[in-house]
Every structure is written in C-alpha cells, then in structure tokens.
Amino acid sequence: APALAQDAAEPAPAAAPAPTGEPTDAELAQFAAAMKTVSSVAASVQNGTPTEEQQAQM
C-alpha cells in the first residue's frame, strides 16, 4: 500500500526559514539571468498558441 503523509512515523521537517537581509550581488545576478531565460521562454509561447512544429507534434 502507498505510504500516506498522515501515516508517517515522524512529522515532515519544517521548511527552512526565509533568509533575512538584502540579497547578495551573486543572488541578484542569478535572478537576473533566470528572469532573462523566463522572458525569452514566455515570448516564445506567443499567448499560448503552439508553433507549427509544436502543433505537428500534437
């Protein structure tokens, strides 16, 4: 039978506390790079309309 969360012998570990203070320059650079990737992916989606290639695969 699948193990269910309510049947666990130990409670799930609590989520790590959110970091405090200002983000570091490295974190900001990582975030900016990720947002650039997200923006390019979002632009390629074209309001949810599949490209001809994607439509052919469906």
PDB file of N, CA and C in Angstrom:
ATOM      1  N   ALA A   1       0.853  -1.194   0.000  1.00  0.00           N
ATOM      2  CA  ALA A   1       0.000   0.000   0.000  1.00  0.00           C
ATOM      3  C   ALA A   1       0.884   1.237   0.000  1.00  0.00           C
ATOM      4  N   PRO A   2       0.445   2.300  -0.654  1.00  0.00           N
ATOM      5  CA  PRO A   2       1.270   3.520  -0.682  1.00  0.00           C
ATOM      6  C   PRO A   2       1.354   4.160   0.697  1.00  0.00           C
ATOM      7  N   ALA A   3       2.484   4.723   0.998  1.00  0.00           N
ATOM      8  CA  ALA A   3       2.658   5.408   2.273  1.00  0.00           C
ATOM      9  C   ALA A   3       1.956   6.758   2.193  1.00  0.00           C
ATOM     10  N   LEU A   4       1.182   7.061   3.200  1.00  0.00           N
ATOM     11  CA  LEU A   4       0.467   8.328   3.231  1.00  0.00           C
ATOM     12  C   LEU A   4       1.111   9.248   4.252  1.00  0.00           C
ATOM     13  N   ALA A   5       1.032  10.539   4.005  1.00  0.00           N
ATOM     14  CA  ALA A   5       1.664  11.512   4.893  1.00  0.00           C
ATOM     15  C   ALA A   5       1.152  11.379   6.318  1.00  0.00           C
ATOM     16  N   GLN A   6      -0.150  11.139   6.478  1.00  0.00           N
ATOM     17  CA  GLN A   6      -0.689  11.045   7.828  1.00  0.00           C
ATOM     18  C   GLN A   6      -0.222   9.789   8.548  1.00  0.00           C
ATOM     19  N   ASP A   7       0.322   8.806   7.822  1.00  0.00           N
ATOM     20  CA  ASP A   7       0.817   7.579   8.424  1.00  0.00           C
ATOM     21  C   ASP A   7       2.311   7.644   8.764  1.00  0.00           C
ATOM     22  N   ALA A   8       2.950   8.755   8.472  1.00  0.00           N
ATOM     23  CA  ALA A   8       4.386   8.876   8.702  1.00  0.00           C
ATOM     24  C   ALA A   8       4.686   8.799  10.194  1.00  0.00           C
ATOM     25  N   ALA A   9       5.772   8.090  10.540  1.00  0.00           N
ATOM     26  CA  ALA A   9       6.157   7.949  11.939  1.00  0.00           C
ATOM     27  C   ALA A   9       6.673   9.272  12.491  1.00  0.00           C
ATOM     28  N   GLU A  10       7.354  10.046  11.640  1.00  0.00           N
ATOM     29  CA  GLU A  10       7.907  11.326  12.073  1.00  0.00           C
ATOM     30  C   GLU A  10       7.258  12.440  11.264  1.00  0.00           C
ATOM     31  N   PRO A  11       7.042  13.582  11.887  1.00  0.00           N
ATOM     32  CA  PRO A  11       6.474  14.697  11.118  1.00  0.00           C
ATOM     33  C   PRO A  11       7.464  15.168  10.052  1.00  0.00           C
ATOM     34  N   ALA A  12       6.930  15.728   8.989  1.00  0.00           N
ATOM     35  CA  ALA A  12       7.793  16.247   7.927  1.00  0.00           C
ATOM     36  C   ALA A  12       8.639  17.380   8.491  1.00  0.00           C
ATOM     37  N   PRO A  13       9.874  17.507   8.018  1.00  0.00           N
ATOM     38  CA  PRO A  13      10.713  18.606   8.523  1.00  0.00           C
ATOM     39  C   PRO A  13      10.113  19.952   8.139  1.00  0.00           C
ATOM     40  N   ALA A  14      10.252  20.910   9.021  1.00  0.00           N
ATOM     41  CA  ALA A  14       9.734  22.251   8.749  1.00  0.00           C
ATOM     42  C   ALA A  14      10.529  22.877   7.610  1.00  0.00           C
ATOM     43  N   ALA A  15       9.869  23.729   6.866  1.00  0.00           N
ATOM     44  CA  ALA A  15      10.557  24.423   5.774  1.00  0.00           C
ATOM     45  C   ALA A  15      11.667  25.286   6.361  1.00  0.00           C
ATOM     46  N   ALA A  16      12.731  25.432   5.605  1.00  0.00           N
ATOM     47  CA  ALA A  16      13.844  26.264   6.063  1.00  0.00           C
ATOM     48  C   ALA A  16      13.349  27.698   6.221  1.00  0.00           C
ATOM     49  N   PRO A  17      13.795  28.378   7.248  1.00  0.00           N
ATOM     50  CA  PRO A  17      13.348  29.768   7.425  1.00  0.00           C
ATOM     51  C   PRO A  17      13.832  30.638   6.271  1.00  0.00           C
ATOM     52  N   ALA A  18      13.041  31.627   5.944  1.00  0.00           N
ATOM     53  CA  ALA A  18      13.415  32.530   4.853  1.00  0.00           C
ATOM     54  C   ALA A  18      14.660  33.307   5.263  1.00  0.00           C
ATOM     55  N   PRO A  19      15.577  33.500   4.323  1.00  0.00           N
ATOM     56  CA  PRO A  19      16.780  34.274   4.663  1.00  0.00           C
ATOM     57  C   PRO A  19      16.406  35.721   4.968  1.00  0.00           C
ATOM     58  N   THR A  20      17.184  36.329   5.833  1.00  0.00           N
ATOM     59  CA  THR A  20      16.914  37.721   6.184  1.00  0.00           C
ATOM     60  C   THR A  20      17.983  38.605   5.578  1.00  0.00           C
ATOM     61  N   GLY A  21      17.688  39.871   5.481  1.00  0.00           N
ATOM     62  CA  GLY A  21      18.661  40.813   4.957  1.00  0.00           C
ATOM     63  C   GLY A  21      18.544  40.989   3.461  1.00  0.00           C
ATOM     64  N   GLU A  22      19.452  41.749   2.921  1.00  0.00           N
ATOM     65  CA  GLU A  22      19.441  42.066   1.496  1.00  0.00           C
ATOM     66  C   GLU A  22      20.042  40.925   0.682  1.00  0.00           C
ATOM     67  N   PRO A  23      19.564  40.730  -0.552  1.00  0.00           N
ATOM     68  CA  PRO A  23      20.176  39.704  -1.412  1.00  0.00           C
ATOM     69  C   PRO A  23      21.605  40.109  -1.782  1.00  0.00           C
ATOM     70  N   THR A  24      22.437  39.110  -1.991  1.00  0.00           N
ATOM     71  CA  THR A  24      23.820  39.388  -2.379  1.00  0.00           C
ATOM     72  C   THR A  24      23.877  39.711  -3.868  1.00  0.00           C
ATOM     73  N   ASP A  25      24.994  40.273  -4.295  1.00  0.00           N
ATOM     74  CA  ASP A  25      25.178  40.566  -5.720  1.00  0.00           C
ATOM     75  C   ASP A  25      25.088  39.290  -6.545  1.00  0.00           C
ATOM     76  N   ALA A  26      25.634  38.191  -6.017  1.00  0.00           N
ATOM     77  CA  ALA A  26      25.588  36.920  -6.742  1.00  0.00           C
ATOM     78  C   ALA A  26      24.147  36.449  -6.899  1.00  0.00           C
ATOM     79  N   GLU A  27      23.350  36.602  -5.844  1.00  0.00           N
ATOM     80  CA  GLU A  27      21.939  36.206  -5.925  1.00  0.00           C
ATOM     81  C   GLU A  27      21.184  37.071  -6.925  1.00  0.00           C
ATOM     82  N   LEU A  28      21.472  38.363  -6.925  1.00  0.00           N
ATOM     83  CA  LEU A  28      20.811  39.258  -7.876  1.00  0.00           C
ATOM     84  C   LEU A  28      21.196  38.916  -9.309  1.00  0.00           C
ATOM     85  N   ALA A  29      22.461  38.599  -9.535  1.00  0.00           N
ATOM     86  CA  ALA A  29      22.906  38.231 -10.882  1.00  0.00           C
ATOM     87  C   ALA A  29      22.240  36.934 -11.323  1.00  0.00           C
ATOM     88  N   GLN A  30      22.139  35.973 -10.407  1.00  0.00           N
ATOM     89  CA  GLN A  30      21.487  34.696 -10.717  1.00  0.00           C
ATOM     90  C   GLN A  30      20.014  34.928 -11.042  1.00  0.00           C
ATOM     91  N   PHE A  31      19.362  35.787 -10.269  1.00  0.00           N
ATOM     92  CA  PHE A  31      17.953  36.092 -10.511  1.00  0.00           C
ATOM     93  C   PHE A  31      17.776  36.781 -11.859  1.00  0.00           C
ATOM     94  N   ALA A  32      18.648  37.741 -12.164  1.00  0.00           N
ATOM     95  CA  ALA A  32      18.548  38.459 -13.438  1.00  0.00           C
ATOM     96  C   ALA A  32      18.723  37.504 -14.613  1.00  0.00           C
ATOM     97  N   ALA A  33      19.671  36.574 -14.495  1.00  0.00           N
ATOM     98  CA  ALA A  33      19.889  35.598 -15.570  1.00  0.00           C
ATOM     99  C   ALA A  33      18.671  34.697 -15.723  1.00  0.00           C
ATOM    100  N   ALA A  34      18.091  34.281 -14.609  1.00  0.00           N
ATOM    101  CA  ALA A  34      16.901  33.432 -14.668  1.00  0.00           C
ATOM    102  C   ALA A  34      15.732  34.181 -15.287  1.00  0.00           C
ATOM    103  N   MET A  35      15.567  35.453 -14.942  1.00  0.00           N
ATOM    104  CA  MET A  35      14.463  36.237 -15.497  1.00  0.00           C
ATOM    105  C   MET A  35      14.636  36.436 -16.999  1.00  0.00           C
ATOM    106  N   LYS A  36      15.877  36.571 -17.445  1.00  0.00           N
ATOM    107  CA  LYS A  36      16.127  36.701 -18.883  1.00  0.00           C
ATOM    108  C   LYS A  36      15.674  35.428 -19.597  1.00  0.00           C
ATOM    109  N   THR A  37      15.989  34.278 -19.005  1.00  0.00           N
ATOM    110  CA  THR A  37      15.563  32.995 -19.580  1.00  0.00           C
ATOM    111  C   THR A  37      14.044  32.890 -19.574  1.00  0.00           C
ATOM    112  N   VAL A  38      13.424  33.248 -18.458  1.00  0.00           N
ATOM    113  CA  VAL A  38      11.963  33.184 -18.356  1.00  0.00           C
ATOM    114  C   VAL A  38      11.324  34.096 -19.395  1.00  0.00           C
ATOM    115  N   SER A  39      11.881  35.296 -19.564  1.00  0.00           N
ATOM    116  CA  SER A  39      11.322  36.234 -20.541  1.00  0.00           C
ATOM    117  C   SER A  39      11.390  35.679 -21.952  1.00  0.00           C
ATOM    118  N   SER A  40      12.512  35.055 -22.303  1.00  0.00           N
ATOM    119  CA  SER A  40      12.639  34.511 -23.657  1.00  0.00           C
ATOM    120  C   SER A  40      11.701  33.332 -23.860  1.00  0.00           C
ATOM    121  N   VAL A  41      11.528  32.506 -22.837  1.00  0.00           N
ATOM    122  CA  VAL A  41      10.594  31.383 -22.936  1.00  0.00           C
ATOM    123  C   VAL A  41       9.168  31.911 -23.058  1.00  0.00           C
ATOM    124  N   ALA A  42       8.825  32.891 -22.230  1.00  0.00           N
ATOM    125  CA  ALA A  42       7.477  33.449 -22.264  1.00  0.00           C
ATOM    126  C   ALA A  42       7.193  34.086 -23.624  1.00  0.00           C
ATOM    127  N   ALA A  43       8.181  34.764 -24.201  1.00  0.00           N
ATOM    128  CA  ALA A  43       7.987  35.387 -25.506  1.00  0.00           C
ATOM    129  C   ALA A  43       7.763  34.337 -26.578  1.00  0.00           C
ATOM    130  N   SER A  44       8.411  33.188 -26.439  1.00  0.00           N
ATOM    131  CA  SER A  44       8.274  32.140 -27.453  1.00  0.00           C
ATOM    132  C   SER A  44       6.938  31.421 -27.365  1.00  0.00           C
ATOM    133  N   VAL A  45       6.229  31.586 -26.248  1.00  0.00           N
ATOM    134  CA  VAL A  45       4.946  30.915 -26.073  1.00  0.00           C
ATOM    135  C   VAL A  45       3.862  31.562 -26.932  1.00  0.00           C
ATOM    136  N   GLN A  46       3.955  32.844 -27.197  1.00  0.00           N
ATOM    137  CA  GLN A  46       3.015  33.564 -28.062  1.00  0.00           C
ATOM    138  C   GLN A  46       1.573  33.395 -27.604  1.00  0.00           C
ATOM    139  N   ASN A  47       1.288  33.846 -26.405  1.00  0.00           N
ATOM    140  CA  ASN A  47      -0.073  33.797 -25.851  1.00  0.00           C
ATOM    141  C   ASN A  47      -0.650  32.393 -25.826  1.00  0.00           C
ATOM    142  N   GLY A  48       0.182  31.401 -25.652  1.00  0.00           N
ATOM    143  CA  GLY A  48      -0.291  30.033 -25.526  1.00  0.00           C
ATOM    144  C   GLY A  48      -0.566  29.334 -26.839  1.00  0.00           C
ATOM    145  N   THR A  49      -0.348  29.999 -27.959  1.00  0.00           N
ATOM    146  CA  THR A  49      -0.576  29.372 -29.258  1.00  0.00           C
ATOM    147  C   THR A  49       0.624  28.504 -29.609  1.00  0.00           C
ATOM    148  N   PRO A  50       0.416  27.224 -29.903  1.00  0.00           N
ATOM    149  CA  PRO A  50       1.556  26.377 -30.265  1.00  0.00           C
ATOM    150  C   PRO A  50       2.156  26.794 -31.607  1.00  0.00           C
ATOM    151  N   THR A  51       3.457  26.616 -31.722  1.00  0.00           N
ATOM    152  CA  THR A  51       4.112  26.878 -33.003  1.00  0.00           C
ATOM    153  C   THR A  51       3.697  25.789 -33.983  1.00  0.00           C
ATOM    154  N   GLU A  52       4.004  25.993 -35.249  1.00  0.00           N
ATOM    155  CA  GLU A  52       3.666  24.974 -36.249  1.00  0.00           C
ATOM    156  C   GLU A  52       4.325  23.643 -35.898  1.00  0.00           C
ATOM    157  N   GLU A  53       5.580  23.711 -35.431  1.00  0.00           N
ATOM    158  CA  GLU A  53       6.297  22.485 -35.055  1.00  0.00           C
ATOM    159  C   GLU A  53       5.606  21.792 -33.882  1.00  0.00           C
ATOM    160  N   GLN A  54       5.210  22.580 -32.869  1.00  0.00           N
ATOM    161  CA  GLN A  54       4.515  22.002 -31.723  1.00  0.00           C
ATOM    162  C   GLN A  54       3.160  21.435 -32.140  1.00  0.00           C
ATOM    163  N   GLN A  55       2.457  22.131 -33.025  1.00  0.00           N
ATOM    164  CA  GLN A  55       1.154  21.664 -33.482  1.00  0.00           C
ATOM    165  C   GLN A  55       1.299  20.334 -34.213  1.00  0.00           C
ATOM    166  N   ALA A  56       2.375  20.192 -35.000  1.00  0.00           N
ATOM    167  CA  ALA A  56       2.607  18.949 -35.732  1.00  0.00           C
ATOM    168  C   ALA A  56       2.859  17.793 -34.763  1.00  0.00           C
ATOM    169  N   GLN A  57       3.511  18.078 -33.634  1.00  0.00           N
ATOM    170  CA  GLN A  57       3.792  17.034 -32.650  1.00  0.00           C
ATOM    171  C   GLN A  57       2.532  16.618 -31.900  1.00  0.00           C
ATOM    172  N   MET A  58       1.526  17.486 -31.862  1.00  0.00           N
ATOM    173  CA  MET A  58       0.295  17.181 -31.137  1.00  0.00           C
ATOM    174  C   MET A  58      -0.640  16.473 -32.045  1.00  0.00           C
TER     175      MET A  58
END
